């Protein structure tokens, strides 16, 4: 089944706005000020103290100026929040400026293309999860993670759960029954070629339903579409939905993970509810322009490991419903390779 995606502009809903969320325009925020070589050397020492053989390796490279973290996401979501936490603690550790650049749009390819065309001097890096690979599988781009030099991984979130308005649907079974009774009528929001795109296609296939998939854009746009009642289901990370759950506006009816989420232990997995489907988690990694020197990657490994090992940083991440999670550059590359194959398998199963 080759799924047709409807591209819709929810003008009325978009006007609502969200205080903590941004749109698709490019914005820049400076996280800190000057850098020094002595502070960078302290990074290596701190990482070595953390006990990691990967992070304990020395690096002769230090940033010659501010480092731009280019995000394929708007402000206020899980990608943005984790990047800003990294920027804060990496600044405290090294003295280097980390500038968060929100460049959402085109299934993450706006940000990815910006980094691909940048100098491989370590001063411009893509930060995000899985979007590079999904966009390739969806045919949005002609490149995947192999077009970049992989850096370390900083954090992880569970695969995105499925949310409904509890005034309309009290459970996943109730939503599925309504979808079967009204094929092609219930609307679910996604972004064509992005992470949630194949999540919904596979969910439809396994659940035996046909939804009207609406391309609304970024995470903040999805939340706005749900709040305005223009869609019946949205995917989302817990960090983006917790306040609405607490207010009784959203209900998470299932999550496509192997086991229940530690963040939402009362929410059953899809498998528990008879929907035999697991989806890749969101691992937040650094992607550098191709040909970036190994000394740059080592410096970022040192920095990232030390930041992840900082207990205050761990606390801040967890308070934002984000899990600290370190992988070396080599392990991140292996992880992306596995994720790419997973997305290819899912795509092949739903596009026959």
C-alpha atoms as a PDB file:
ATOM      1  CA  UNK A   1       0.000   0.000   0.000  1.00  0.00           C
ATOM      2  CA  UNK A   2       1.417   3.324  -1.090  1.00  0.00           C
ATOM      3  CA  UNK A   3      -0.010   5.901   1.289  1.00  0.00           C
ATOM      4  CA  UNK A   4      -1.252   9.240   0.002  1.00  0.00           C
ATOM      5  CA  UNK A   5      -0.428  12.111   2.352  1.00  0.00           C
ATOM      6  CA  UNK A   6      -2.622  15.189   2.417  1.00  0.00           C
ATOM      7  CA  UNK A   7      -0.711  18.454   2.733  1.00  0.00           C
ATOM      8  CA  UNK A   8      -2.904  20.818   4.692  1.00  0.00           C
ATOM      9  CA  UNK A   9      -2.459  24.340   5.991  1.00  0.00           C
ATOM     10  CA  UNK A  10      -4.266  24.649   9.322  1.00  0.00           C
ATOM     11  CA  UNK A  11      -4.305  28.432   9.287  1.00  0.00           C
ATOM     12  CA  UNK A  12      -6.819  28.896  12.070  1.00  0.00           C
ATOM     13  CA  UNK A  13      -5.001  26.505  14.397  1.00  0.00           C
ATOM     14  CA  UNK A  14      -1.598  27.948  13.697  1.00  0.00           C
ATOM     15  CA  UNK A  15      -2.834  31.337  14.847  1.00  0.00           C
ATOM     16  CA  UNK A  16      -3.280  29.990  18.358  1.00  0.00           C
ATOM     17  CA  UNK A  17       0.453  29.901  18.997  1.00  0.00           C
ATOM     18  CA  UNK A  18       2.240  28.215  21.868  1.00  0.00           C
ATOM     19  CA  UNK A  19       4.216  30.115  24.448  1.00  0.00           C
ATOM     20  CA  UNK A  20       7.033  27.589  24.656  1.00  0.00           C
ATOM     21  CA  UNK A  21       7.085  26.436  21.034  1.00  0.00           C
ATOM     22  CA  UNK A  22       8.324  27.852  17.766  1.00  0.00           C
ATOM     23  CA  UNK A  23       7.400  27.584  14.119  1.00  0.00           C
ATOM     24  CA  UNK A  24       9.431  26.652  11.087  1.00  0.00           C
ATOM     25  CA  UNK A  25      11.487  29.804  10.650  1.00  0.00           C
ATOM     26  CA  UNK A  26      15.180  29.850  11.433  1.00  0.00           C
ATOM     27  CA  UNK A  27      16.068  31.416  14.780  1.00  0.00           C
ATOM     28  CA  UNK A  28      19.308  31.666  16.685  1.00  0.00           C
ATOM     29  CA  UNK A  29      19.991  31.736  20.417  1.00  0.00           C
ATOM     30  CA  UNK A  30      23.406  32.223  21.989  1.00  0.00           C
ATOM     31  CA  UNK A  31      24.017  29.915  24.934  1.00  0.00           C
ATOM     32  CA  UNK A  32      27.216  31.473  26.281  1.00  0.00           C
ATOM     33  CA  UNK A  33      30.340  33.591  25.674  1.00  0.00           C
ATOM     34  CA  UNK A  34      34.134  33.213  25.123  1.00  0.00           C
ATOM     35  CA  UNK A  35      36.189  30.037  24.681  1.00  0.00           C
ATOM     36  CA  UNK A  36      39.652  29.234  26.014  1.00  0.00           C
ATOM     37  CA  UNK A  37      42.133  26.469  25.367  1.00  0.00           C
ATOM     38  CA  UNK A  38      42.686  25.922  29.068  1.00  0.00           C
ATOM     39  CA  UNK A  39      38.969  25.344  29.600  1.00  0.00           C
ATOM     40  CA  UNK A  40      38.885  22.918  26.678  1.00  0.00           C
ATOM     41  CA  UNK A  41      41.796  20.997  28.197  1.00  0.00           C
ATOM     42  CA  UNK A  42      39.721  20.767  31.373  1.00  0.00           C
ATOM     43  CA  UNK A  43      37.082  18.985  29.302  1.00  0.00           C
ATOM     44  CA  UNK A  44      39.477  16.161  28.529  1.00  0.00           C
ATOM     45  CA  UNK A  45      40.479  15.901  32.167  1.00  0.00           C
ATOM     46  CA  UNK A  46      36.869  15.866  33.339  1.00  0.00           C
ATOM     47  CA  UNK A  47      35.975  13.221  30.786  1.00  0.00           C
ATOM     48  CA  UNK A  48      38.911  11.100  31.848  1.00  0.00           C
ATOM     49  CA  UNK A  49      37.767  11.379  35.458  1.00  0.00           C
ATOM     50  CA  UNK A  50      34.398  10.067  34.309  1.00  0.00           C
ATOM     51  CA  UNK A  51      36.083   6.771  33.518  1.00  0.00           C
ATOM     52  CA  UNK A  52      35.312   6.405  29.820  1.00  0.00           C
ATOM     53  CA  UNK A  53      38.099   5.129  27.564  1.00  0.00           C
ATOM     54  CA  UNK A  54      36.458   6.824  24.569  1.00  0.00           C
ATOM     55  CA  UNK A  55      36.113  10.193  26.267  1.00  0.00           C
ATOM     56  CA  UNK A  56      39.522  10.007  27.909  1.00  0.00           C
ATOM     57  CA  UNK A  57      41.292  10.251  24.547  1.00  0.00           C
ATOM     58  CA  UNK A  58      43.102  13.545  24.085  1.00  0.00           C
ATOM     59  CA  UNK A  59      42.385  16.046  21.337  1.00  0.00           C
ATOM     60  CA  UNK A  60      44.660  18.763  19.986  1.00  0.00           C
ATOM     61  CA  UNK A  61      41.678  20.632  18.538  1.00  0.00           C
ATOM     62  CA  UNK A  62      39.649  23.302  20.288  1.00  0.00           C
ATOM     63  CA  UNK A  63      36.919  25.512  18.758  1.00  0.00           C
ATOM     64  CA  UNK A  64      38.229  28.730  17.236  1.00  0.00           C
ATOM     65  CA  UNK A  65      34.891  30.441  17.780  1.00  0.00           C
ATOM     66  CA  UNK A  66      31.235  29.802  18.663  1.00  0.00           C
ATOM     67  CA  UNK A  67      29.793  26.420  17.696  1.00  0.00           C
ATOM     68  CA  UNK A  68      26.435  26.455  15.895  1.00  0.00           C
ATOM     69  CA  UNK A  69      24.104  23.596  16.830  1.00  0.00           C
ATOM     70  CA  UNK A  70      21.703  23.461  13.877  1.00  0.00           C
ATOM     71  CA  UNK A  71      18.387  21.822  14.767  1.00  0.00           C
ATOM     72  CA  UNK A  72      15.794  20.363  12.365  1.00  0.00           C
ATOM     73  CA  UNK A  73      13.126  21.506  14.836  1.00  0.00           C
ATOM     74  CA  UNK A  74      11.446  24.593  16.185  1.00  0.00           C
ATOM     75  CA  UNK A  75      11.904  26.001  19.672  1.00  0.00           C
ATOM     76  CA  UNK A  76      10.326  24.361  22.697  1.00  0.00           C
ATOM     77  CA  UNK A  77      10.283  20.707  21.703  1.00  0.00           C
ATOM     78  CA  UNK A  78      12.352  17.764  22.867  1.00  0.00           C
ATOM     79  CA  UNK A  79      15.165  18.286  20.339  1.00  0.00           C
ATOM     80  CA  UNK A  80      15.396  21.985  21.159  1.00  0.00           C
ATOM     81  CA  UNK A  81      15.269  21.541  24.936  1.00  0.00           C
ATOM     82  CA  UNK A  82      17.941  18.842  25.004  1.00  0.00           C
ATOM     83  CA  UNK A  83      20.188  20.939  22.744  1.00  0.00           C
ATOM     84  CA  UNK A  84      19.882  23.947  25.055  1.00  0.00           C
ATOM     85  CA  UNK A  85      20.699  21.842  28.093  1.00  0.00           C
ATOM     86  CA  UNK A  86      23.784  20.535  26.297  1.00  0.00           C
ATOM     87  CA  UNK A  87      24.756  24.086  25.290  1.00  0.00           C
ATOM     88  CA  UNK A  88      24.475  25.316  28.860  1.00  0.00           C
ATOM     89  CA  UNK A  89      26.605  22.620  30.460  1.00  0.00           C
ATOM     90  CA  UNK A  90      29.118  22.402  27.628  1.00  0.00           C
ATOM     91  CA  UNK A  91      29.638  26.149  27.992  1.00  0.00           C
ATOM     92  CA  UNK A  92      30.158  25.832  31.727  1.00  0.00           C
ATOM     93  CA  UNK A  93      32.663  23.059  31.138  1.00  0.00           C
ATOM     94  CA  UNK A  94      34.666  24.496  28.243  1.00  0.00           C
ATOM     95  CA  UNK A  95      34.000  28.235  28.080  1.00  0.00           C
ATOM     96  CA  UNK A  96      32.921  27.824  24.440  1.00  0.00           C
ATOM     97  CA  UNK A  97      29.846  29.502  22.970  1.00  0.00           C
ATOM     98  CA  UNK A  98      27.200  27.053  21.712  1.00  0.00           C
ATOM     99  CA  UNK A  99      24.555  28.734  19.560  1.00  0.00           C
ATOM    100  CA  UNK A 100      21.247  26.896  19.038  1.00  0.00           C
ATOM    101  CA  UNK A 101      19.924  27.502  15.514  1.00  0.00           C
ATOM    102  CA  UNK A 102      16.343  26.375  14.912  1.00  0.00           C
ATOM    103  CA  UNK A 103      15.982  25.534  11.218  1.00  0.00           C
ATOM    104  CA  UNK A 104      12.940  23.295  10.902  1.00  0.00           C
ATOM    105  CA  UNK A 105      11.214  22.461   7.644  1.00  0.00           C
ATOM    106  CA  UNK A 106      11.221  20.010   4.732  1.00  0.00           C
ATOM    107  CA  UNK A 107      11.413  16.947   6.984  1.00  0.00           C
ATOM    108  CA  UNK A 108      14.654  18.121   8.542  1.00  0.00           C
ATOM    109  CA  UNK A 109      16.425  18.693   5.237  1.00  0.00           C
ATOM    110  CA  UNK A 110      16.599  22.477   5.711  1.00  0.00           C
ATOM    111  CA  UNK A 111      18.877  21.995   8.711  1.00  0.00           C
ATOM    112  CA  UNK A 112      20.705  19.016   7.195  1.00  0.00           C
ATOM    113  CA  UNK A 113      21.505  20.878   3.979  1.00  0.00           C
ATOM    114  CA  UNK A 114      22.745  23.855   5.981  1.00  0.00           C
ATOM    115  CA  UNK A 115      25.263  21.643   7.762  1.00  0.00           C
ATOM    116  CA  UNK A 116      26.251  19.670   4.666  1.00  0.00           C
ATOM    117  CA  UNK A 117      27.225  22.906   2.924  1.00  0.00           C
ATOM    118  CA  UNK A 118      29.154  24.272   5.929  1.00  0.00           C
ATOM    119  CA  UNK A 119      32.912  24.149   6.414  1.00  0.00           C
ATOM    120  CA  UNK A 120      34.082  20.988   8.172  1.00  0.00           C
ATOM    121  CA  UNK A 121      35.889  23.017  10.838  1.00  0.00           C
ATOM    122  CA  UNK A 122      33.850  21.763  13.792  1.00  0.00           C
ATOM    123  CA  UNK A 123      31.968  25.028  14.190  1.00  0.00           C
ATOM    124  CA  UNK A 124      28.708  23.918  12.527  1.00  0.00           C
ATOM    125  CA  UNK A 125      26.984  20.681  13.521  1.00  0.00           C
ATOM    126  CA  UNK A 126      23.554  19.136  13.018  1.00  0.00           C
ATOM    127  CA  UNK A 127      21.852  17.966  16.212  1.00  0.00           C
ATOM    128  CA  UNK A 128      18.817  15.730  16.099  1.00  0.00           C
ATOM    129  CA  UNK A 129      17.367  12.240  15.869  1.00  0.00           C
ATOM    130  CA  UNK A 130      16.717   9.893  12.952  1.00  0.00           C
ATOM    131  CA  UNK A 131      15.438  12.566  10.563  1.00  0.00           C
ATOM    132  CA  UNK A 132      18.375  12.276   8.171  1.00  0.00           C
ATOM    133  CA  UNK A 133      17.653   8.600   7.619  1.00  0.00           C
ATOM    134  CA  UNK A 134      13.858   8.841   7.458  1.00  0.00           C
ATOM    135  CA  UNK A 135      13.969  11.674   4.932  1.00  0.00           C
ATOM    136  CA  UNK A 136      16.217   9.562   2.731  1.00  0.00           C
ATOM    137  CA  UNK A 137      13.953   6.509   2.916  1.00  0.00           C
ATOM    138  CA  UNK A 138      10.942   8.712   2.135  1.00  0.00           C
ATOM    139  CA  UNK A 139      12.674  10.120  -0.949  1.00  0.00           C
ATOM    140  CA  UNK A 140      12.870  13.660   0.436  1.00  0.00           C
ATOM    141  CA  UNK A 141      16.679  13.651   0.156  1.00  0.00           C
ATOM    142  CA  UNK A 142      19.237  11.611  -1.762  1.00  0.00           C
ATOM    143  CA  UNK A 143      21.530  11.161   1.262  1.00  0.00           C
ATOM    144  CA  UNK A 144      21.463   9.478   4.655  1.00  0.00           C
ATOM    145  CA  UNK A 145      23.715   9.518   7.731  1.00  0.00           C
ATOM    146  CA  UNK A 146      26.694   8.414   5.604  1.00  0.00           C
ATOM    147  CA  UNK A 147      26.827  11.892   4.050  1.00  0.00           C
ATOM    148  CA  UNK A 148      27.997  13.193   7.435  1.00  0.00           C
ATOM    149  CA  UNK A 149      30.803  12.466   9.866  1.00  0.00           C
ATOM    150  CA  UNK A 150      29.052  11.076  12.921  1.00  0.00           C
ATOM    151  CA  UNK A 151      29.716  12.502  16.357  1.00  0.00           C
ATOM    152  CA  UNK A 152      28.567  11.286  19.781  1.00  0.00           C
ATOM    153  CA  UNK A 153      25.031  10.851  21.132  1.00  0.00           C
ATOM    154  CA  UNK A 154      23.883  12.976  24.068  1.00  0.00           C
ATOM    155  CA  UNK A 155      20.342  11.940  25.002  1.00  0.00           C
ATOM    156  CA  UNK A 156      17.474   9.565  24.235  1.00  0.00           C
ATOM    157  CA  UNK A 157      13.703   9.572  24.318  1.00  0.00           C
ATOM    158  CA  UNK A 158      11.201   6.782  23.842  1.00  0.00           C
ATOM    159  CA  UNK A 159       9.492   6.392  20.501  1.00  0.00           C
ATOM    160  CA  UNK A 160       6.691   8.924  20.213  1.00  0.00           C
ATOM    161  CA  UNK A 161       3.395   7.966  21.804  1.00  0.00           C
ATOM    162  CA  UNK A 162      -0.044   8.393  20.223  1.00  0.00           C
ATOM    163  CA  UNK A 163      -2.331  11.054  21.726  1.00  0.00           C
ATOM    164  CA  UNK A 164      -6.042  11.775  21.425  1.00  0.00           C
ATOM    165  CA  UNK A 165      -8.565  14.164  22.957  1.00  0.00           C
ATOM    166  CA  UNK A 166     -10.027  12.282  25.965  1.00  0.00           C
ATOM    167  CA  UNK A 167     -13.394  13.943  25.376  1.00  0.00           C
ATOM    168  CA  UNK A 168     -13.578  12.115  22.032  1.00  0.00           C
ATOM    169  CA  UNK A 169     -11.807   8.821  22.734  1.00  0.00           C
ATOM    170  CA  UNK A 170     -11.216   7.076  26.042  1.00  0.00           C
ATOM    171  CA  UNK A 171      -8.829   4.387  24.784  1.00  0.00           C
ATOM    172  CA  UNK A 172      -6.869   3.091  21.813  1.00  0.00           C
ATOM    173  CA  UNK A 173      -9.561   0.481  21.146  1.00  0.00           C
ATOM    174  CA  UNK A 174     -12.212   3.193  21.014  1.00  0.00           C
ATOM    175  CA  UNK A 175     -10.137   5.209  18.538  1.00  0.00           C
ATOM    176  CA  UNK A 176      -9.502   2.163  16.334  1.00  0.00           C
ATOM    177  CA  UNK A 177     -13.203   1.249  16.361  1.00  0.00           C
ATOM    178  CA  UNK A 178     -14.082   4.782  15.259  1.00  0.00           C
ATOM    179  CA  UNK A 179     -11.436   4.676  12.529  1.00  0.00           C
ATOM    180  CA  UNK A 180     -12.757   1.361  11.204  1.00  0.00           C
ATOM    181  CA  UNK A 181     -16.294   2.724  11.201  1.00  0.00           C
ATOM    182  CA  UNK A 182     -15.155   5.853   9.327  1.00  0.00           C
ATOM    183  CA  UNK A 183     -12.331   4.818   6.950  1.00  0.00           C
ATOM    184  CA  UNK A 184     -10.224   7.734   5.763  1.00  0.00           C
ATOM    185  CA  UNK A 185     -12.139  10.228   7.905  1.00  0.00           C
ATOM    186  CA  UNK A 186     -10.231  10.494  11.183  1.00  0.00           C
ATOM    187  CA  UNK A 187      -7.316  12.892  10.877  1.00  0.00           C
ATOM    188  CA  UNK A 188      -3.828  12.245  12.270  1.00  0.00           C
ATOM    189  CA  UNK A 189      -1.069  14.834  12.035  1.00  0.00           C
ATOM    190  CA  UNK A 190       2.468  14.152  10.877  1.00  0.00           C
ATOM    191  CA  UNK A 191       5.133  15.686   8.660  1.00  0.00           C
ATOM    192  CA  UNK A 192       5.742  14.077   5.290  1.00  0.00           C
ATOM    193  CA  UNK A 193       9.029  12.181   5.267  1.00  0.00           C
ATOM    194  CA  UNK A 194       9.774  12.917   8.913  1.00  0.00           C
ATOM    195  CA  UNK A 195      10.132  10.594  11.907  1.00  0.00           C
ATOM    196  CA  UNK A 196       6.399  10.175  12.575  1.00  0.00           C
ATOM    197  CA  UNK A 197       5.572   9.588   8.894  1.00  0.00           C
ATOM    198  CA  UNK A 198       6.403   5.881   8.854  1.00  0.00           C
ATOM    199  CA  UNK A 199       5.250   5.498  12.446  1.00  0.00           C
ATOM    200  CA  UNK A 200       1.709   6.279  11.332  1.00  0.00           C
ATOM    201  CA  UNK A 201       1.909   4.261   8.116  1.00  0.00           C
ATOM    202  CA  UNK A 202       2.941   1.160  10.048  1.00  0.00           C
ATOM    203  CA  UNK A 203       0.383   1.818  12.790  1.00  0.00           C
ATOM    204  CA  UNK A 204      -2.371   2.003  10.163  1.00  0.00           C
ATOM    205  CA  UNK A 205      -1.214  -1.230   8.580  1.00  0.00           C
ATOM    206  CA  UNK A 206      -0.985  -3.232  11.801  1.00  0.00           C
ATOM    207  CA  UNK A 207      -4.203  -1.795  13.265  1.00  0.00           C
ATOM    208  CA  UNK A 208      -6.103  -2.387  10.013  1.00  0.00           C
ATOM    209  CA  UNK A 209      -7.309   1.200   9.687  1.00  0.00           C
ATOM    210  CA  UNK A 210      -7.131   4.020   7.151  1.00  0.00           C
ATOM    211  CA  UNK A 211      -6.477   7.503   8.542  1.00  0.00           C
ATOM    212  CA  UNK A 212      -6.389  10.878   6.828  1.00  0.00           C
ATOM    213  CA  UNK A 213      -2.748  11.822   7.421  1.00  0.00           C
ATOM    214  CA  UNK A 214      -2.350  15.588   7.518  1.00  0.00           C
ATOM    215  CA  UNK A 215       1.015  17.291   7.102  1.00  0.00           C
ATOM    216  CA  UNK A 216       0.966  20.134   9.621  1.00  0.00           C
ATOM    217  CA  UNK A 217       4.704  20.605  10.215  1.00  0.00           C
ATOM    218  CA  UNK A 218       6.712  20.793  13.418  1.00  0.00           C
ATOM    219  CA  UNK A 219       5.965  19.410  16.891  1.00  0.00           C
ATOM    220  CA  UNK A 220       4.521  22.723  18.041  1.00  0.00           C
ATOM    221  CA  UNK A 221       2.255  22.768  14.976  1.00  0.00           C
ATOM    222  CA  UNK A 222       1.039  19.257  15.814  1.00  0.00           C
ATOM    223  CA  UNK A 223       0.167  20.317  19.361  1.00  0.00           C
ATOM    224  CA  UNK A 224      -1.660  23.376  18.028  1.00  0.00           C
ATOM    225  CA  UNK A 225      -3.625  21.233  15.570  1.00  0.00           C
ATOM    226  CA  UNK A 226      -4.692  18.935  18.403  1.00  0.00           C
ATOM    227  CA  UNK A 227      -5.645  21.780  20.734  1.00  0.00           C
ATOM    228  CA  UNK A 228      -7.751  23.383  18.017  1.00  0.00           C
ATOM    229  CA  UNK A 229      -9.587  20.115  17.315  1.00  0.00           C
ATOM    230  CA  UNK A 230      -8.474  19.946  13.709  1.00  0.00           C
ATOM    231  CA  UNK A 231      -6.975  16.469  14.077  1.00  0.00           C
ATOM    232  CA  UNK A 232      -8.063  13.378  16.006  1.00  0.00           C
ATOM    233  CA  UNK A 233      -4.640  11.926  16.815  1.00  0.00           C
ATOM    234  CA  UNK A 234      -1.101  13.203  17.105  1.00  0.00           C
ATOM    235  CA  UNK A 235       2.266  11.589  17.824  1.00  0.00           C
ATOM    236  CA  UNK A 236       4.464  13.222  20.427  1.00  0.00           C
ATOM    237  CA  UNK A 237       7.216  13.034  22.991  1.00  0.00           C
ATOM    238  CA  UNK A 238       6.175  13.221  26.634  1.00  0.00           C
ATOM    239  CA  UNK A 239       8.091  16.471  27.141  1.00  0.00           C
ATOM    240  CA  UNK A 240       5.844  18.160  24.562  1.00  0.00           C
ATOM    241  CA  UNK A 241       2.581  16.810  25.984  1.00  0.00           C
ATOM    242  CA  UNK A 242       2.904  16.464  29.755  1.00  0.00           C
ATOM    243  CA  UNK A 243       1.254  19.793  30.575  1.00  0.00           C
ATOM    244  CA  UNK A 244      -1.694  18.973  28.317  1.00  0.00           C
ATOM    245  CA  UNK A 245      -2.037  15.517  29.863  1.00  0.00           C
ATOM    246  CA  UNK A 246      -2.063  17.069  33.324  1.00  0.00           C
ATOM    247  CA  UNK A 247      -4.717  19.553  32.172  1.00  0.00           C
ATOM    248  CA  UNK A 248      -6.910  16.737  30.829  1.00  0.00           C
ATOM    249  CA  UNK A 249      -6.614  17.943  27.225  1.00  0.00           C
ATOM    250  CA  UNK A 250      -4.535  15.048  25.866  1.00  0.00           C
ATOM    251  CA  UNK A 251      -4.605  11.312  26.538  1.00  0.00           C
ATOM    252  CA  UNK A 252      -1.742   9.020  25.525  1.00  0.00           C
ATOM    253  CA  UNK A 253      -3.439   5.810  24.346  1.00  0.00           C
ATOM    254  CA  UNK A 254      -0.314   3.814  23.528  1.00  0.00           C
ATOM    255  CA  UNK A 255       3.395   3.881  22.871  1.00  0.00           C
ATOM    256  CA  UNK A 256       5.285   1.803  20.257  1.00  0.00           C
ATOM    257  CA  UNK A 257       8.055   0.557  22.544  1.00  0.00           C
ATOM    258  CA  UNK A 258       9.111  -2.918  23.645  1.00  0.00           C
ATOM    259  CA  UNK A 259       8.343  -2.112  27.272  1.00  0.00           C
ATOM    260  CA  UNK A 260       6.386   0.590  29.052  1.00  0.00           C
ATOM    261  CA  UNK A 261       8.071   3.959  29.240  1.00  0.00           C
ATOM    262  CA  UNK A 262       9.634   4.955  32.546  1.00  0.00           C
ATOM    263  CA  UNK A 263       8.226   8.426  31.876  1.00  0.00           C
ATOM    264  CA  UNK A 264       4.664   7.112  31.362  1.00  0.00           C
ATOM    265  CA  UNK A 265       4.489   3.822  33.277  1.00  0.00           C
ATOM    266  CA  UNK A 266       0.674   3.811  33.283  1.00  0.00           C
ATOM    267  CA  UNK A 267       0.470   3.943  29.476  1.00  0.00           C
ATOM    268  CA  UNK A 268       0.351   0.481  27.881  1.00  0.00           C
ATOM    269  CA  UNK A 269       2.483  -0.315  24.869  1.00  0.00           C
ATOM    270  CA  UNK A 270       0.829  -0.923  21.527  1.00  0.00           C
ATOM    271  CA  UNK A 271       1.860  -4.576  21.790  1.00  0.00           C
ATOM    272  CA  UNK A 272       0.036  -4.924  25.087  1.00  0.00           C
ATOM    273  CA  UNK A 273      -3.092  -3.771  23.248  1.00  0.00           C
ATOM    274  CA  UNK A 274      -2.775  -6.215  20.369  1.00  0.00           C
ATOM    275  CA  UNK A 275      -0.966  -3.887  17.934  1.00  0.00           C
ATOM    276  CA  UNK A 276       2.248  -5.755  17.116  1.00  0.00           C
ATOM    277  CA  UNK A 277       4.455  -2.757  16.383  1.00  0.00           C
ATOM    278  CA  UNK A 278       7.657  -1.283  17.816  1.00  0.00           C
ATOM    279  CA  UNK A 279       9.280   1.899  16.525  1.00  0.00           C
ATOM    280  CA  UNK A 280      12.829   3.266  16.924  1.00  0.00           C
ATOM    281  CA  UNK A 281      13.548   5.529  19.885  1.00  0.00           C
ATOM    282  CA  UNK A 282      14.709   9.120  19.443  1.00  0.00           C
ATOM    283  CA  UNK A 283      18.488   9.246  19.960  1.00  0.00           C
ATOM    284  CA  UNK A 284      19.856  12.805  19.870  1.00  0.00           C
ATOM    285  CA  UNK A 285      23.227  12.792  18.107  1.00  0.00           C
ATOM    286  CA  UNK A 286      25.688  15.201  16.482  1.00  0.00           C
ATOM    287  CA  UNK A 287      26.207  15.084  12.694  1.00  0.00           C
ATOM    288  CA  UNK A 288      29.203  16.965  11.234  1.00  0.00           C
ATOM    289  CA  UNK A 289      29.997  17.937   7.653  1.00  0.00           C
ATOM    290  CA  UNK A 290      31.755  15.158   5.762  1.00  0.00           C
ATOM    291  CA  UNK A 291      35.497  15.047   6.212  1.00  0.00           C
ATOM    292  CA  UNK A 292      35.510  16.581   9.691  1.00  0.00           C
ATOM    293  CA  UNK A 293      38.832  15.770  11.349  1.00  0.00           C
ATOM    294  CA  UNK A 294      39.023  13.046  13.982  1.00  0.00           C
ATOM    295  CA  UNK A 295      40.426  15.533  16.504  1.00  0.00           C
ATOM    296  CA  UNK A 296      37.161  17.518  16.289  1.00  0.00           C
ATOM    297  CA  UNK A 297      35.112  14.399  16.921  1.00  0.00           C
ATOM    298  CA  UNK A 298      37.328  13.468  19.876  1.00  0.00           C
ATOM    299  CA  UNK A 299      36.843  16.907  21.415  1.00  0.00           C
ATOM    300  CA  UNK A 300      33.066  16.558  21.102  1.00  0.00           C
ATOM    301  CA  UNK A 301      33.198  13.043  22.550  1.00  0.00           C
ATOM    302  CA  UNK A 302      35.197  14.364  25.506  1.00  0.00           C
ATOM    303  CA  UNK A 303      32.802  17.236  26.018  1.00  0.00           C
ATOM    304  CA  UNK A 304      29.628  15.233  25.554  1.00  0.00           C
ATOM    305  CA  UNK A 305      30.711  12.430  27.898  1.00  0.00           C
ATOM    306  CA  UNK A 306      31.643  14.911  30.617  1.00  0.00           C
ATOM    307  CA  UNK A 307      28.353  16.782  30.208  1.00  0.00           C
ATOM    308  CA  UNK A 308      26.302  13.569  30.333  1.00  0.00           C
ATOM    309  CA  UNK A 309      28.158  12.517  33.479  1.00  0.00           C
ATOM    310  CA  UNK A 310      27.322  15.817  35.187  1.00  0.00           C
ATOM    311  CA  UNK A 311      24.652  14.963  37.777  1.00  0.00           C
ATOM    312  CA  UNK A 312      23.028  18.396  37.530  1.00  0.00           C
ATOM    313  CA  UNK A 313      22.756  17.992  33.763  1.00  0.00           C
ATOM    314  CA  UNK A 314      21.196  14.559  34.236  1.00  0.00           C
ATOM    315  CA  UNK A 315      18.683  16.081  36.634  1.00  0.00           C
ATOM    316  CA  UNK A 316      17.803  18.873  34.202  1.00  0.00           C
ATOM    317  CA  UNK A 317      17.298  16.420  31.344  1.00  0.00           C
ATOM    318  CA  UNK A 318      15.086  14.179  33.438  1.00  0.00           C
ATOM    319  CA  UNK A 319      13.067  17.191  34.620  1.00  0.00           C
ATOM    320  CA  UNK A 320      12.398  17.835  30.929  1.00  0.00           C
ATOM    321  CA  UNK A 321      11.342  14.183  30.470  1.00  0.00           C
ATOM    322  CA  UNK A 322      14.513  13.462  28.457  1.00  0.00           C
ATOM    323  CA  UNK A 323      16.935  10.631  29.234  1.00  0.00           C
ATOM    324  CA  UNK A 324      20.725  11.262  29.384  1.00  0.00           C
ATOM    325  CA  UNK A 325      22.367   8.746  27.057  1.00  0.00           C
ATOM    326  CA  UNK A 326      25.967   8.771  25.848  1.00  0.00           C
ATOM    327  CA  UNK A 327      27.297   6.919  22.800  1.00  0.00           C
ATOM    328  CA  UNK A 328      30.725   7.414  21.254  1.00  0.00           C
ATOM    329  CA  UNK A 329      30.934   8.515  17.626  1.00  0.00           C
ATOM    330  CA  UNK A 330      31.604   4.945  16.505  1.00  0.00           C
ATOM    331  CA  UNK A 331      28.647   3.597  18.474  1.00  0.00           C
ATOM    332  CA  UNK A 332      26.444   6.421  17.178  1.00  0.00           C
ATOM    333  CA  UNK A 333      27.349   5.506  13.617  1.00  0.00           C
ATOM    334  CA  UNK A 334      26.516   1.844  14.235  1.00  0.00           C
ATOM    335  CA  UNK A 335      23.245   2.931  15.822  1.00  0.00           C
ATOM    336  CA  UNK A 336      22.307   5.087  12.821  1.00  0.00           C
ATOM    337  CA  UNK A 337      23.136   2.228  10.473  1.00  0.00           C
ATOM    338  CA  UNK A 338      20.763  -0.043  12.363  1.00  0.00           C
ATOM    339  CA  UNK A 339      18.035   2.614  12.429  1.00  0.00           C
ATOM    340  CA  UNK A 340      18.360   3.187   8.675  1.00  0.00           C
ATOM    341  CA  UNK A 341      17.811  -0.512   8.021  1.00  0.00           C
ATOM    342  CA  UNK A 342      14.806  -0.480  10.358  1.00  0.00           C
ATOM    343  CA  UNK A 343      13.202   2.422   8.511  1.00  0.00           C
ATOM    344  CA  UNK A 344      13.870   0.730   5.175  1.00  0.00           C
ATOM    345  CA  UNK A 345      12.173  -2.419   6.418  1.00  0.00           C
ATOM    346  CA  UNK A 346       9.163  -0.483   7.673  1.00  0.00           C
ATOM    347  CA  UNK A 347       8.917   1.484   4.437  1.00  0.00           C
ATOM    348  CA  UNK A 348       9.069  -1.665   2.328  1.00  0.00           C
ATOM    349  CA  UNK A 349       6.295  -3.259   4.393  1.00  0.00           C
ATOM    350  CA  UNK A 350       3.861  -0.348   4.009  1.00  0.00           C
ATOM    351  CA  UNK A 351       4.575   0.687   0.415  1.00  0.00           C
ATOM    352  CA  UNK A 352       4.008  -2.623  -1.321  1.00  0.00           C
END
